[in-house]
Amino acid sequence: MKVLTKNGFKTFDHIADQGVSTKLLKIDFGDESPIKCTHDHEFMLDDDMSMPACFLEIGETLSGKIIIGIEEVENERVYDAINVAGGNHYLTNGVSSHNCNLIFLDEFAFIEKAADFYTSTYPVISSGDDTKVIITSTANGIGNMFYNLYEGAIKGTNMFKHFRIDWWDVPGRDEAWKKMTIQNTSELQFAQEYGNDFQGSSDSLINSSKLLELVSREPIRQHENMRFYTDPIEEHQYVAAVDVSRGRGQDYSTVTVIDVSSRPFEQVATYRSNLVSPLILPDTIVSMCTAYNDAVLLIESNDAGQVVCNAVYYDHEYENTFVESSIKRGGIGVTMTKKTKRIGCSNMKDLIEMNKLLVYDKDTIAELGTFGVHGSSYAALGSDHDDMVMNLVLFSWFVSSDAFGEIVDDENMNLRDLIFAEREDEDLVPAGFFDNPLGAGNEYQEMATNMQAWNDL
């Protein structure tokens, strides 16, 4: 196979189908030969340099043709010629395109929807035998695509090689410079901007040092969108928490199964999909719960969750579904209110930071890294998702409820006992006492009496 280039016809390996692109540009030259391409499609300039289509401007010249118009057009399927001999460039409607075998992504950790971008460009990366990818960035918290790729390179689970340049590698930077920089910023900012530390956001619910301790585990097996980390153990009790989406490719429907017979609690199985219909999801939920010894099932009943609640409880007749109210309409499942979420977030923070809840799923850990302050509550920051985290929030709320005590071996166990079990021998500072220099019947006497009453509680 051959394709026309500015140096004549050249051989190439094959045509790669890049799929349907949602972002196309139409480059108009006024000669009935417009070019439709992706925003990152490279065009050769007169000085043999290349430039992405998104950086072109009206009036510029490509291969002697003047651009008179640039506009966005409807989605279309796009193709690319791979490994063109003589420099990876070819002519399209008389204009030289550059199919570069080197892709360079700078400050990748700060690119919005980086995972979607990387997924869309990977067919180009993988289609060439000698294609190279260079990704550079300062750290921007954990859980993003850059963090995942860098950690994968360290662990040897992907084909990337990791390199790092530390602040002391730059000439002129010494301890005095470090001290001055910290004084002008903060320890956290220095660690992230100069120290190559993947600190969590200062607004994240989970402490950044704890986030860095969380290490994902490879599932023992996977089936479609289900991951299994531990097989069911006979006589163990499990709780499954469910967050429901509309299945339209945006938010995810998620399931997290947790072993509550183990200490600490352990995440044993997960499910995550943003395409599954609420009408189909109940089959998966019941299947997973049944496999794990008929797990107690918590379903967030807000919005589309009510459809799933009814299907699981009435159609599948799954008896271990948590019922919030037997008399209230729509009482099946758990209504996520501001109070419920506040309690769940607080409990989750304690459970994870005090190693009372072990999390293994990589998507859950990634979402925890971007789950932070959002107004007066907590939610995913930016364009990230928090559907896996909301499973943990729902579970953590349940742990502090009276219903939880009924399913564990010790019915008298409560969340406070669970969290502070290892602190029983610590001396608690008692409330103080006030001397009464003025005798009875004065404000000091009243304060002393109140403090004594507090100690008696």
Protein backbone atom coordinates (compact mmCIF):
# COMPACT_ATOMS: atom_id res chain seq x y z
CA MET A 1 0.00 0.00 0.00
CA LYS A 2 1.20 3.50 -0.84
CA VAL A 3 0.06 7.03 -0.05
CA LEU A 4 0.95 10.33 -1.75
CA THR A 5 3.41 12.55 0.14
CA LYS A 6 5.21 15.77 -0.81
CA ASN A 7 8.11 13.50 -1.82
CA GLY A 8 6.02 11.15 -3.97
CA PHE A 9 4.21 7.93 -3.15
CA LYS A 10 5.42 6.15 -0.01
CA THR A 11 4.52 2.85 1.59
CA PHE A 12 2.64 2.65 4.89
CA ASP A 13 1.53 -0.16 7.21
CA HIS A 14 -2.22 0.21 7.41
CA ILE A 15 -5.18 2.51 7.95
CA ALA A 16 -6.19 2.83 11.60
CA ASP A 17 -9.86 3.32 12.43
CA GLN A 18 -9.85 5.90 15.26
CA GLY A 19 -13.58 5.63 15.85
CA VAL A 20 -16.15 8.40 15.95
CA SER A 21 -14.69 11.67 17.20
CA THR A 22 -16.87 14.10 19.15
CA LYS A 23 -14.61 17.06 18.42
CA LEU A 24 -13.88 17.76 14.75
CA LEU A 25 -12.66 20.87 12.97
CA LYS A 26 -13.37 21.81 9.36
CA ILE A 27 -10.42 23.68 7.78
CA ASP A 28 -11.66 25.66 4.73
CA PHE A 29 -9.30 26.88 1.99
CA GLY A 30 -11.94 28.28 -0.36
CA ASP A 31 -11.15 25.81 -3.14
CA GLU A 32 -13.77 23.08 -2.65
CA SER A 33 -11.23 20.92 -0.77
CA PRO A 34 -11.85 21.44 2.95
CA ILE A 35 -10.27 19.08 5.47
CA LYS A 36 -12.14 17.61 8.44
CA CYS A 37 -9.89 16.46 11.26
CA THR A 38 -9.57 16.07 15.02
CA HIS A 39 -8.40 18.97 17.17
CA ASP A 40 -5.01 17.30 17.76
CA HIS A 41 -4.38 16.35 14.10
CA GLU A 42 -0.91 17.56 13.08
CA PHE A 43 -0.30 19.60 9.91
CA MET A 44 3.15 20.19 8.41
CA LEU A 45 4.24 23.85 8.23
CA ASP A 46 6.52 25.37 5.63
CA ASP A 47 9.56 25.07 7.91
CA ASP A 48 8.99 21.29 8.31
CA MET A 49 7.61 21.82 11.79
CA SER A 50 4.15 20.55 12.68
CA MET A 51 1.20 22.14 14.50
CA PRO A 52 -2.06 20.70 15.88
CA ALA A 53 -5.23 21.82 14.08
CA CYS A 54 -6.58 23.46 17.23
CA PHE A 55 -3.73 26.01 17.15
CA LEU A 56 -4.23 27.05 13.51
CA GLU A 57 -5.66 30.49 12.71
CA ILE A 58 -7.46 32.00 9.75
CA GLY A 59 -4.93 33.54 7.34
CA GLU A 60 -2.20 30.96 7.98
CA THR A 61 -0.77 28.99 5.06
CA LEU A 62 -0.58 25.21 4.83
CA SER A 63 1.29 23.73 1.85
CA GLY A 64 0.72 26.98 -0.07
CA LYS A 65 -3.01 27.09 0.67
CA ILE A 66 -4.45 29.93 2.77
CA ILE A 67 -6.93 29.09 5.52
CA ILE A 68 -10.08 31.20 5.12
CA GLY A 69 -12.28 29.50 7.71
CA ILE A 70 -12.20 27.18 10.74
CA GLU A 71 -15.34 25.76 12.32
CA GLU A 72 -16.48 22.86 14.47
CA VAL A 73 -18.54 20.20 12.71
CA GLU A 74 -20.71 17.22 13.64
CA ASN A 75 -19.26 13.91 14.80
CA GLU A 76 -17.71 11.67 12.16
CA ARG A 77 -15.56 8.55 12.04
CA VAL A 78 -11.88 9.35 11.52
CA TYR A 79 -8.99 7.34 10.05
CA ASP A 80 -5.22 7.69 10.01
CA ALA A 81 -2.39 6.27 7.89
CA ILE A 82 0.13 4.48 10.13
CA ASN A 83 3.93 4.33 9.74
CA VAL A 84 4.23 6.25 6.44
CA ALA A 85 7.76 5.79 5.09
CA GLY A 86 10.01 8.82 4.78
CA GLY A 87 8.93 10.82 7.81
CA ASN A 88 5.35 9.89 8.77
CA HIS A 89 3.68 12.58 6.66
CA TYR A 90 1.26 12.43 3.73
CA LEU A 91 -0.95 14.68 1.61
CA THR A 92 -4.67 15.21 2.22
CA ASN A 93 -6.40 17.39 -0.39
CA GLY A 94 -2.99 18.84 -1.24
CA VAL A 95 -2.12 19.63 2.39
CA SER A 96 0.66 17.79 4.21
CA SER A 97 -0.40 16.06 7.41
CA HIS A 98 2.08 14.77 9.95
CA ASN A 99 1.45 11.40 11.57
CA CYS A 100 4.01 11.82 14.33
CA ASN A 101 5.54 8.71 15.91
CA LEU A 102 6.32 10.70 19.07
CA ILE A 103 3.54 11.95 21.34
CA PHE A 104 4.49 14.43 24.08
CA LEU A 105 2.02 15.26 26.85
CA ASP A 106 3.10 18.09 29.16
CA GLU A 107 1.61 18.78 32.64
CA PHE A 108 -0.62 15.79 32.04
CA ALA A 109 -1.83 15.65 35.65
CA PHE A 110 -3.61 18.99 35.13
CA ILE A 111 -5.46 18.10 31.91
CA GLU A 112 -9.21 18.01 32.42
CA LYS A 113 -10.67 14.59 31.59
CA ALA A 114 -7.16 13.26 30.99
CA ALA A 115 -8.36 9.65 31.12
CA ASP A 116 -10.82 10.25 28.27
CA PHE A 117 -8.12 12.02 26.25
CA TYR A 118 -5.61 9.23 26.80
CA THR A 119 -8.17 6.58 25.88
CA SER A 120 -9.03 8.37 22.63
CA THR A 121 -5.37 8.75 21.58
CA TYR A 122 -4.22 5.27 22.60
CA PRO A 123 -5.24 3.66 19.26
CA VAL A 124 -2.68 5.97 17.59
CA ILE A 125 -0.08 5.09 20.21
CA SER A 126 -0.56 1.35 19.90
CA SER A 127 -0.93 1.18 16.11
CA GLY A 128 2.71 2.04 15.34
CA ASP A 129 5.64 -0.28 15.97
CA ASP A 130 8.00 2.55 16.91
CA THR A 131 5.58 5.06 18.45
CA LYS A 132 6.93 6.77 21.57
CA VAL A 133 5.00 8.56 24.29
CA ILE A 134 6.58 11.07 26.68
CA ILE A 135 4.47 12.31 29.59
CA THR A 136 5.75 14.98 31.98
CA SER A 137 4.02 16.70 34.86
CA THR A 138 4.32 17.94 38.38
CA ALA A 139 2.21 15.97 40.82
CA ASN A 140 -1.44 16.93 41.22
CA GLY A 141 -2.78 14.60 43.88
CA ILE A 142 -3.54 10.90 43.56
CA GLY A 143 -6.22 9.11 41.61
CA ASN A 144 -5.72 10.89 38.28
CA MET A 145 -4.45 9.32 35.06
CA PHE A 146 -0.89 10.66 35.47
CA TYR A 147 -0.64 9.16 38.98
CA ASN A 148 -1.95 5.80 37.76
CA LEU A 149 0.49 5.64 34.84
CA TYR A 150 3.46 6.70 37.00
CA GLU A 151 2.63 4.17 39.72
CA GLY A 152 2.19 1.51 37.05
CA ALA A 153 5.66 2.31 35.68
CA ILE A 154 7.17 1.94 39.17
CA LYS A 155 5.40 -1.38 39.77
CA GLY A 156 6.14 -2.64 36.26
CA THR A 157 2.49 -3.14 35.41
CA ASN A 158 2.65 -1.04 32.21
CA MET A 159 5.25 -0.36 29.48
CA PHE A 160 6.25 3.11 30.67
CA LYS A 161 9.66 3.85 32.22
CA HIS A 162 9.70 6.29 35.13
CA PHE A 163 12.12 9.18 35.64
CA ARG A 164 12.07 12.04 38.10
CA ILE A 165 13.88 15.36 38.46
CA ASP A 166 14.00 16.60 42.04
CA TRP A 167 14.30 20.19 43.17
CA TRP A 168 17.97 19.76 44.17
CA ASP A 169 18.84 18.67 40.62
CA VAL A 170 18.26 22.26 39.45
CA PRO A 171 21.40 24.44 39.77
CA GLY A 172 21.11 27.15 42.42
CA ARG A 173 18.56 25.35 44.57
CA ASP A 174 19.80 24.42 48.02
CA GLU A 175 18.39 24.10 51.56
CA ALA A 176 18.29 27.90 51.91
CA TRP A 177 16.18 28.13 48.74
CA LYS A 178 13.90 25.38 50.06
CA LYS A 179 13.40 27.16 53.37
CA MET A 180 12.60 30.45 51.65
CA THR A 181 10.16 28.78 49.24
CA ILE A 182 8.29 27.05 52.06
CA GLN A 183 8.03 30.35 53.92
CA ASN A 184 6.49 31.93 50.82
CA THR A 185 4.08 29.02 50.20
CA SER A 186 3.56 26.07 52.56
CA GLU A 187 4.93 22.61 53.34
CA LEU A 188 2.09 20.98 51.38
CA GLN A 189 2.58 23.18 48.31
CA PHE A 190 6.34 22.64 48.32
CA ALA A 191 5.95 18.88 48.64
CA GLN A 192 3.59 18.76 45.68
CA GLU A 193 5.10 21.42 43.37
CA TYR A 194 8.80 20.69 44.02
CA GLY A 195 9.04 17.51 46.06
CA ASN A 196 7.36 15.18 43.55
CA ASP A 197 4.95 14.10 46.27
CA PHE A 198 1.52 12.96 45.15
CA GLN A 199 -0.21 14.73 48.01
CA GLY A 200 -3.99 14.68 48.12
CA SER A 201 -5.84 17.95 47.86
CA SER A 202 -5.80 20.05 51.02
CA ASP A 203 -9.60 19.98 50.71
CA SER A 204 -9.85 16.18 50.50
CA LEU A 205 -11.90 14.42 53.14
CA ILE A 206 -9.29 11.74 53.77
CA ASN A 207 -5.93 12.93 55.08
CA SER A 208 -3.34 13.15 52.29
CA SER A 209 -0.79 11.01 54.15
CA LYS A 210 -3.41 8.27 54.51
CA LEU A 211 -4.33 8.50 50.84
CA LEU A 212 -0.73 7.78 49.92
CA GLU A 213 -0.80 4.63 52.07
CA LEU A 214 -3.75 3.16 50.18
CA VAL A 215 -2.50 0.52 47.74
CA SER A 216 -4.78 -1.16 45.25
CA ARG A 217 -4.85 -4.92 44.89
CA GLU A 218 -5.32 -6.93 41.72
CA PRO A 219 -8.64 -8.81 41.81
CA ILE A 220 -8.46 -12.59 42.04
CA ARG A 221 -10.89 -12.65 39.11
CA GLN A 222 -13.01 -10.32 37.00
CA HIS A 223 -16.25 -10.77 35.11
CA GLU A 224 -17.40 -7.91 32.88
CA ASN A 225 -17.58 -4.94 35.29
CA MET A 226 -17.32 -7.02 38.47
CA ARG A 227 -14.09 -7.42 40.42
CA PHE A 228 -13.61 -10.00 43.17
CA TYR A 229 -10.83 -9.55 45.72
CA THR A 230 -11.78 -12.27 48.23
CA ASP A 231 -14.01 -15.30 47.88
CA PRO A 232 -17.00 -15.63 50.24
CA ILE A 233 -16.12 -17.19 53.59
CA GLU A 234 -18.62 -19.54 55.17
CA GLU A 235 -20.48 -18.02 58.14
CA HIS A 236 -19.09 -14.54 57.44
CA GLN A 237 -21.57 -11.68 57.21
CA TYR A 238 -21.38 -9.21 54.31
CA VAL A 239 -22.94 -5.84 53.55
CA ALA A 240 -23.40 -4.55 49.99
CA ALA A 241 -23.85 -0.83 49.29
CA VAL A 242 -25.27 0.37 45.97
CA ASP A 243 -25.26 3.73 44.19
CA VAL A 244 -27.51 3.97 41.12
CA SER A 245 -27.11 6.13 38.01
CA ARG A 246 -29.27 6.47 34.91
CA GLY A 247 -26.89 4.42 32.73
CA ARG A 248 -26.34 7.08 30.09
CA GLY A 249 -22.55 7.14 30.02
CA GLN A 250 -22.10 9.79 32.70
CA ASP A 251 -22.27 8.85 36.40
CA TYR A 252 -21.63 5.23 37.36
CA SER A 253 -23.85 2.61 38.94
CA THR A 254 -21.69 0.95 41.58
CA VAL A 255 -21.76 -1.90 44.08
CA THR A 256 -19.31 -2.47 46.94
CA VAL A 257 -19.41 -5.64 49.06
CA ILE A 258 -17.75 -5.45 52.50
CA ASP A 259 -16.93 -8.24 54.94
CA VAL A 260 -18.18 -7.07 58.36
CA SER A 261 -17.17 -10.25 60.18
CA SER A 262 -13.49 -9.43 59.72
CA ARG A 263 -11.64 -6.85 61.80
CA PRO A 264 -10.87 -4.52 60.20
CA PHE A 265 -13.71 -4.50 57.68
CA GLU A 266 -12.60 -5.47 54.18
CA GLN A 267 -13.74 -4.54 50.70
CA VAL A 268 -14.19 -7.91 48.94
CA ALA A 269 -15.99 -7.19 45.64
CA THR A 270 -17.02 -4.24 43.45
CA TYR A 271 -19.07 -3.42 40.37
CA ARG A 272 -18.85 -0.24 38.28
CA SER A 273 -20.58 0.72 35.01
CA ASN A 274 -21.98 3.92 33.54
CA LEU A 275 -23.89 2.15 30.77
CA VAL A 276 -26.02 -0.37 32.65
CA SER A 277 -29.74 0.42 32.75
CA PRO A 278 -31.49 0.63 36.13
CA LEU A 279 -33.77 -2.08 34.74
CA ILE A 280 -30.84 -4.49 34.28
CA LEU A 281 -28.79 -3.56 37.35
CA PRO A 282 -30.97 -5.51 39.88
CA ASP A 283 -29.89 -8.81 38.30
CA THR A 284 -26.23 -8.01 38.99
CA ILE A 285 -26.94 -6.75 42.50
CA VAL A 286 -28.88 -9.84 43.56
CA SER A 287 -26.29 -12.12 41.97
CA MET A 288 -23.42 -10.54 43.91
CA CYS A 289 -25.33 -10.39 47.20
CA THR A 290 -26.45 -14.00 46.92
CA ALA A 291 -22.87 -15.12 46.25
CA TYR A 292 -21.71 -13.40 49.42
CA ASN A 293 -23.92 -15.31 51.85
CA ASP A 294 -27.06 -13.27 51.13
CA ALA A 295 -25.40 -9.97 52.05
CA VAL A 296 -27.40 -7.23 53.70
CA LEU A 297 -28.24 -4.85 50.86
CA LEU A 298 -28.17 -1.05 51.16
CA ILE A 299 -29.45 0.83 48.09
CA GLU A 300 -29.49 4.62 47.87
CA SER A 301 -33.12 5.22 46.93
CA ASN A 302 -32.76 8.75 45.55
CA ASP A 303 -33.78 9.33 41.93
CA ALA A 304 -33.31 6.18 39.78
CA GLY A 305 -32.40 4.23 42.90
CA GLN A 306 -36.08 3.81 43.77
CA VAL A 307 -36.63 1.82 40.58
CA VAL A 308 -33.81 -0.53 41.55
CA CYS A 309 -35.06 -0.79 45.14
CA ASN A 310 -38.53 -1.86 44.01
CA ALA A 311 -37.18 -4.34 41.46
CA VAL A 312 -34.84 -6.00 43.97
CA TYR A 313 -37.39 -6.13 46.78
CA TYR A 314 -40.59 -6.96 44.91
CA ASP A 315 -39.55 -8.59 41.63
CA HIS A 316 -36.50 -10.54 42.88
CA GLU A 317 -37.95 -10.87 46.40
CA TYR A 318 -34.52 -10.33 47.94
CA GLU A 319 -35.38 -10.43 51.64
CA ASN A 320 -32.10 -8.98 52.96
CA THR A 321 -32.78 -5.58 51.39
CA PHE A 322 -32.57 -2.81 53.98
CA VAL A 323 -35.96 -1.16 54.47
CA GLU A 324 -35.83 2.36 55.89
CA SER A 325 -39.55 2.44 56.63
CA SER A 326 -42.22 -0.22 56.28
CA ILE A 327 -45.04 2.32 56.31
CA LYS A 328 -43.58 5.19 54.30
CA ARG A 329 -44.10 5.14 50.56
CA GLY A 330 -40.76 4.55 48.91
CA GLY A 331 -39.32 3.34 52.22
CA ILE A 332 -37.21 0.60 50.64
CA GLY A 333 -33.50 1.42 50.65
CA VAL A 334 -31.82 4.47 52.16
CA THR A 335 -32.68 8.08 51.32
CA MET A 336 -29.42 10.03 51.10
CA THR A 337 -30.19 13.26 52.95
CA LYS A 338 -27.73 15.96 54.02
CA LYS A 339 -27.72 14.47 57.51
CA THR A 340 -27.17 10.92 56.25
CA LYS A 341 -24.30 12.04 54.04
CA ARG A 342 -22.72 14.14 56.80
CA ILE A 343 -22.76 11.21 59.23
CA GLY A 344 -21.52 8.81 56.56
CA CYS A 345 -18.64 11.07 55.51
CA SER A 346 -17.54 11.59 59.12
CA ASN A 347 -17.67 7.88 59.89
CA MET A 348 -15.88 6.94 56.66
CA LYS A 349 -13.03 9.32 57.45
CA ASP A 350 -12.57 7.72 60.88
CA LEU A 351 -12.84 4.15 59.60
CA ILE A 352 -10.30 4.61 56.79
CA GLU A 353 -7.79 6.83 58.60
CA MET A 354 -7.78 4.52 61.64
CA ASN A 355 -7.40 1.38 59.48
CA LYS A 356 -10.80 0.00 60.46
CA LEU A 357 -11.87 -0.30 56.81
CA LEU A 358 -9.49 -1.71 54.19
CA VAL A 359 -10.03 -0.59 50.59
CA TYR A 360 -8.46 -2.52 47.70
CA ASP A 361 -10.29 -1.41 44.54
CA LYS A 362 -8.25 0.97 42.37
CA ASP A 363 -11.27 3.01 41.23
CA THR A 364 -12.40 3.47 44.83
CA ILE A 365 -8.93 4.62 45.88
CA ALA A 366 -8.73 6.98 42.91
CA GLU A 367 -12.08 8.55 43.81
CA LEU A 368 -11.07 8.95 47.46
CA GLY A 369 -8.15 11.08 46.28
CA THR A 370 -10.49 13.59 44.61
CA PHE A 371 -13.33 13.50 47.13
CA GLY A 372 -13.21 16.86 48.87
CA VAL A 373 -14.98 19.94 50.11
CA HIS A 374 -17.81 21.05 47.83
CA GLY A 375 -19.77 23.93 49.29
CA SER A 376 -21.07 22.83 52.67
CA SER A 377 -20.65 19.14 51.87
CA TYR A 378 -18.24 16.74 50.18
CA ALA A 379 -18.24 15.55 46.58
CA ALA A 380 -15.93 14.74 43.67
CA LEU A 381 -13.73 17.67 42.73
CA GLY A 382 -13.77 19.00 39.17
CA SER A 383 -14.98 16.51 36.56
CA ASP A 384 -14.12 13.40 38.59
CA HIS A 385 -16.61 10.83 39.88
CA ASP A 386 -17.50 9.81 43.44
CA ASP A 387 -19.91 6.91 42.90
CA MET A 388 -17.59 4.29 44.45
CA VAL A 389 -16.94 6.59 47.40
CA MET A 390 -20.67 7.05 47.97
CA ASN A 391 -20.89 3.29 48.53
CA LEU A 392 -18.45 3.69 51.41
CA VAL A 393 -20.35 6.73 52.70
CA LEU A 394 -23.58 4.71 52.72
CA PHE A 395 -21.89 1.77 54.46
CA SER A 396 -20.24 4.05 57.03
CA TRP A 397 -23.60 5.61 57.87
CA PHE A 398 -25.06 2.12 58.32
CA VAL A 399 -22.28 1.08 60.71
CA SER A 400 -23.43 3.73 63.20
CA SER A 401 -27.11 2.71 62.97
CA ASP A 402 -28.98 0.43 65.36
CA ALA A 403 -29.65 -1.97 62.49
CA PHE A 404 -25.93 -2.74 62.12
CA GLY A 405 -25.73 -4.04 65.67
CA GLU A 406 -28.40 -6.58 64.83
CA ILE A 407 -26.39 -8.26 62.06
CA VAL A 408 -22.98 -8.58 63.75
CA ASP A 409 -22.09 -11.11 66.41
CA ASP A 410 -21.91 -8.52 69.18
CA GLU A 411 -25.25 -6.71 69.27
CA ASN A 412 -23.88 -4.24 71.80
CA MET A 413 -21.02 -3.13 69.57
CA ASN A 414 -21.24 0.42 68.28
CA LEU A 415 -19.10 2.57 66.02
CA ARG A 416 -17.43 4.42 68.89
CA ASP A 417 -16.35 1.14 70.48
CA LEU A 418 -15.03 -0.05 67.11
CA ILE A 419 -12.97 3.05 66.43
CA PHE A 420 -11.64 3.58 69.94
CA ALA A 421 -11.09 -0.09 70.82
CA GLU A 422 -7.33 0.39 70.64
CA ARG A 423 -7.42 3.46 72.89
CA GLU A 424 -8.94 1.86 75.97
CA ASP A 425 -5.72 2.11 77.95
CA GLU A 426 -5.09 5.76 77.15
CA ASP A 427 -5.56 8.26 79.95
CA LEU A 428 -8.29 10.75 79.15
CA VAL A 429 -7.82 14.28 80.42
CA PRO A 430 -10.63 14.94 82.93
CA ALA A 431 -12.64 18.13 83.03
CA GLY A 432 -11.09 20.62 85.45
CA PHE A 433 -12.33 21.96 88.80
CA PHE A 434 -12.62 25.56 89.92
CA ASP A 435 -11.72 26.83 93.38
CA ASN A 436 -14.45 28.88 95.06
CA PRO A 437 -12.78 31.91 96.65
CA LEU A 438 -16.03 33.85 97.13
CA GLY A 439 -18.19 31.22 98.82
CA ALA A 440 -21.50 29.74 97.73
CA GLY A 441 -24.04 31.52 95.61
CA ASN A 442 -21.69 33.19 93.09
CA GLU A 443 -20.81 32.56 89.47
CA TYR A 444 -17.73 30.53 90.35
CA GLN A 445 -19.78 28.21 92.53
CA GLU A 446 -22.21 27.68 89.66
CA MET A 447 -19.38 26.95 87.21
CA ALA A 448 -17.79 24.49 89.63
CA THR A 449 -21.11 22.74 90.16
CA ASN A 450 -21.66 22.43 86.39
CA MET A 451 -18.17 21.02 85.83
CA GLN A 452 -18.68 18.47 88.62
CA ALA A 453 -21.94 17.42 87.01
CA TRP A 454 -20.10 16.96 83.65
CA ASN A 455 -17.52 14.69 85.30
CA ASP A 456 -20.28 12.64 86.89
CA LEU A 457 -21.83 11.85 83.50
